[in-house]
């Protein structure tokens, strides 16, 4: 079983650059306080690290 992380949206995409809004959509987030369980890959980690003011890693699962 692959490692997963739970990502929560904590910031609004309103008045943010289009690239940051697109990154949120790529993570599957579109509304405040929603969470997604995603596979822990370098691509997902890079997306999360590019918008740390909009998302938060809630939990890391093995």
N, C-alpha and C. Protein backbone atom coordinates (compact mmCIF):
# COMPACT_ATOMS: atom_id res chain seq x y z
N UNK A 1 0.84 -1.18 0.00
CA UNK A 1 0.00 0.00 0.00
C UNK A 1 0.89 1.24 0.00
N UNK A 2 0.55 2.20 -0.84
CA UNK A 2 1.35 3.41 -0.98
C UNK A 2 1.09 4.38 0.16
N UNK A 3 2.09 5.20 0.45
CA UNK A 3 1.91 6.23 1.46
C UNK A 3 0.97 7.30 0.92
N UNK A 4 0.17 7.86 1.81
CA UNK A 4 -0.76 8.92 1.42
C UNK A 4 -0.65 10.08 2.40
N UNK A 5 -1.09 11.25 1.95
CA UNK A 5 -1.17 12.42 2.81
C UNK A 5 -2.57 12.99 2.69
N UNK A 6 -3.04 13.60 3.76
CA UNK A 6 -4.33 14.28 3.76
C UNK A 6 -4.05 15.77 3.71
N UNK A 7 -4.57 16.42 2.66
CA UNK A 7 -4.32 17.84 2.42
C UNK A 7 -5.62 18.59 2.62
N UNK A 8 -5.57 19.70 3.36
CA UNK A 8 -6.75 20.52 3.63
C UNK A 8 -6.53 21.92 3.07
N UNK A 9 -7.56 22.45 2.43
CA UNK A 9 -7.49 23.82 1.91
C UNK A 9 -7.79 24.79 3.04
N UNK A 10 -6.87 25.73 3.31
CA UNK A 10 -7.05 26.67 4.40
C UNK A 10 -7.13 28.11 3.90
N UNK A 11 -6.91 28.34 2.61
CA UNK A 11 -6.95 29.69 2.07
C UNK A 11 -7.83 29.77 0.85
N UNK A 12 -8.33 30.95 0.59
CA UNK A 12 -9.22 31.17 -0.55
C UNK A 12 -8.42 31.48 -1.81
N UNK A 13 -8.85 30.96 -2.96
CA UNK A 13 -8.17 31.28 -4.21
C UNK A 13 -8.56 32.64 -4.79
N UNK A 14 -9.46 33.34 -4.12
CA UNK A 14 -9.87 34.66 -4.61
C UNK A 14 -8.68 35.60 -4.54
N UNK A 15 -8.48 36.38 -5.61
CA UNK A 15 -7.39 37.35 -5.74
C UNK A 15 -6.01 36.69 -5.70
N UNK A 16 -5.92 35.48 -6.18
CA UNK A 16 -4.65 34.77 -6.30
C UNK A 16 -4.33 34.61 -7.78
N UNK A 17 -3.06 34.48 -8.12
CA UNK A 17 -2.69 34.26 -9.53
C UNK A 17 -3.32 32.99 -10.09
N UNK A 18 -3.53 32.98 -11.38
CA UNK A 18 -4.17 31.84 -12.05
C UNK A 18 -3.40 30.55 -11.83
N UNK A 19 -2.09 30.62 -11.74
CA UNK A 19 -1.30 29.39 -11.55
C UNK A 19 -1.58 28.77 -10.18
N UNK A 20 -1.81 29.60 -9.16
CA UNK A 20 -2.11 29.06 -7.84
C UNK A 20 -3.51 28.45 -7.82
N UNK A 21 -4.46 29.07 -8.50
CA UNK A 21 -5.81 28.50 -8.59
C UNK A 21 -5.77 27.16 -9.34
N UNK A 22 -4.95 27.09 -10.39
CA UNK A 22 -4.83 25.86 -11.16
C UNK A 22 -4.19 24.76 -10.31
N UNK A 23 -3.25 25.11 -9.47
CA UNK A 23 -2.61 24.12 -8.59
C UNK A 23 -3.63 23.55 -7.61
N UNK A 24 -4.49 24.40 -7.07
CA UNK A 24 -5.55 23.92 -6.17
C UNK A 24 -6.47 22.95 -6.89
N UNK A 25 -6.85 23.28 -8.12
CA UNK A 25 -7.70 22.39 -8.89
C UNK A 25 -6.99 21.07 -9.17
N UNK A 26 -5.71 21.14 -9.45
CA UNK A 26 -4.93 19.93 -9.70
C UNK A 26 -4.88 19.02 -8.49
N UNK A 27 -4.93 19.61 -7.30
CA UNK A 27 -4.95 18.82 -6.07
C UNK A 27 -6.36 18.31 -5.75
N UNK A 28 -7.35 18.79 -6.50
CA UNK A 28 -8.73 18.36 -6.27
C UNK A 28 -9.44 19.16 -5.21
N UNK A 29 -8.93 20.36 -4.93
CA UNK A 29 -9.55 21.22 -3.92
C UNK A 29 -10.20 22.41 -4.60
N UNK A 30 -11.38 22.80 -4.13
CA UNK A 30 -12.03 23.95 -4.74
C UNK A 30 -12.83 24.79 -3.75
N UNK A 31 -13.01 24.31 -2.54
CA UNK A 31 -13.75 25.08 -1.54
C UNK A 31 -13.01 25.03 -0.21
N UNK A 32 -13.21 26.04 0.58
CA UNK A 32 -12.52 26.16 1.86
C UNK A 32 -12.81 24.97 2.77
N UNK A 33 -11.78 24.55 3.50
CA UNK A 33 -11.85 23.50 4.53
C UNK A 33 -12.18 22.11 3.98
N UNK A 34 -12.04 21.92 2.68
CA UNK A 34 -12.20 20.59 2.11
C UNK A 34 -10.89 19.83 2.27
N UNK A 35 -10.98 18.53 2.36
CA UNK A 35 -9.78 17.70 2.48
C UNK A 35 -9.77 16.68 1.37
N UNK A 36 -8.56 16.26 1.00
CA UNK A 36 -8.36 15.21 0.00
C UNK A 36 -7.25 14.31 0.49
N UNK A 37 -7.41 13.02 0.26
CA UNK A 37 -6.36 12.06 0.56
C UNK A 37 -5.65 11.76 -0.75
N UNK A 38 -4.37 12.13 -0.84
CA UNK A 38 -3.61 12.00 -2.07
C UNK A 38 -2.40 11.11 -1.85
N UNK A 39 -1.95 10.48 -2.92
CA UNK A 39 -0.75 9.66 -2.86
C UNK A 39 0.46 10.55 -2.63
N UNK A 40 1.36 10.11 -1.79
CA UNK A 40 2.54 10.91 -1.43
C UNK A 40 3.64 10.71 -2.47
N UNK A 41 3.58 11.53 -3.53
CA UNK A 41 4.58 11.48 -4.59
C UNK A 41 5.31 12.82 -4.63
N UNK A 42 6.48 12.86 -5.28
CA UNK A 42 7.20 14.13 -5.41
C UNK A 42 6.38 15.20 -6.12
N UNK A 43 5.55 14.81 -7.09
CA UNK A 43 4.73 15.78 -7.81
C UNK A 43 3.71 16.43 -6.88
N UNK A 44 3.05 15.63 -6.06
CA UNK A 44 2.05 16.15 -5.14
C UNK A 44 2.72 17.01 -4.07
N UNK A 45 3.85 16.56 -3.56
CA UNK A 45 4.59 17.35 -2.56
C UNK A 45 5.01 18.70 -3.14
N UNK A 46 5.43 18.71 -4.40
CA UNK A 46 5.82 19.96 -5.04
C UNK A 46 4.66 20.91 -5.18
N UNK A 47 3.48 20.37 -5.52
CA UNK A 47 2.29 21.21 -5.64
C UNK A 47 1.91 21.80 -4.29
N UNK A 48 1.97 20.98 -3.24
CA UNK A 48 1.64 21.46 -1.90
C UNK A 48 2.66 22.51 -1.45
N UNK A 49 3.93 22.28 -1.72
CA UNK A 49 4.96 23.23 -1.31
C UNK A 49 4.92 24.53 -2.10
N UNK A 50 4.30 24.53 -3.28
CA UNK A 50 4.23 25.77 -4.07
C UNK A 50 3.12 26.70 -3.59
N UNK A 51 2.16 26.16 -2.81
CA UNK A 51 1.08 27.01 -2.28
C UNK A 51 0.87 26.74 -0.78
N UNK A 52 1.91 26.92 0.05
CA UNK A 52 1.76 26.60 1.48
C UNK A 52 0.80 27.53 2.21
N UNK A 53 0.53 28.70 1.64
CA UNK A 53 -0.40 29.64 2.27
C UNK A 53 -1.86 29.28 2.00
N UNK A 54 -2.10 28.33 1.09
CA UNK A 54 -3.47 27.94 0.74
C UNK A 54 -3.83 26.53 1.21
N UNK A 55 -2.84 25.67 1.45
CA UNK A 55 -3.11 24.29 1.86
C UNK A 55 -2.27 23.91 3.06
N UNK A 56 -2.71 22.87 3.74
CA UNK A 56 -2.00 22.38 4.92
C UNK A 56 -2.05 20.86 4.90
N UNK A 57 -0.93 20.22 5.23
CA UNK A 57 -0.90 18.77 5.34
C UNK A 57 -1.42 18.43 6.74
N UNK A 58 -2.55 17.74 6.78
CA UNK A 58 -3.21 17.41 8.04
C UNK A 58 -2.63 16.14 8.64
N UNK A 59 -2.39 15.14 7.77
CA UNK A 59 -2.00 13.83 8.28
C UNK A 59 -1.18 13.10 7.22
N UNK A 60 -0.21 12.33 7.67
CA UNK A 60 0.56 11.47 6.79
C UNK A 60 0.30 10.03 7.20
N UNK A 61 -0.16 9.23 6.23
CA UNK A 61 -0.49 7.83 6.51
C UNK A 61 0.49 6.91 5.80
N UNK A 62 0.72 5.76 6.39
CA UNK A 62 1.59 4.77 5.76
C UNK A 62 0.80 3.79 4.96
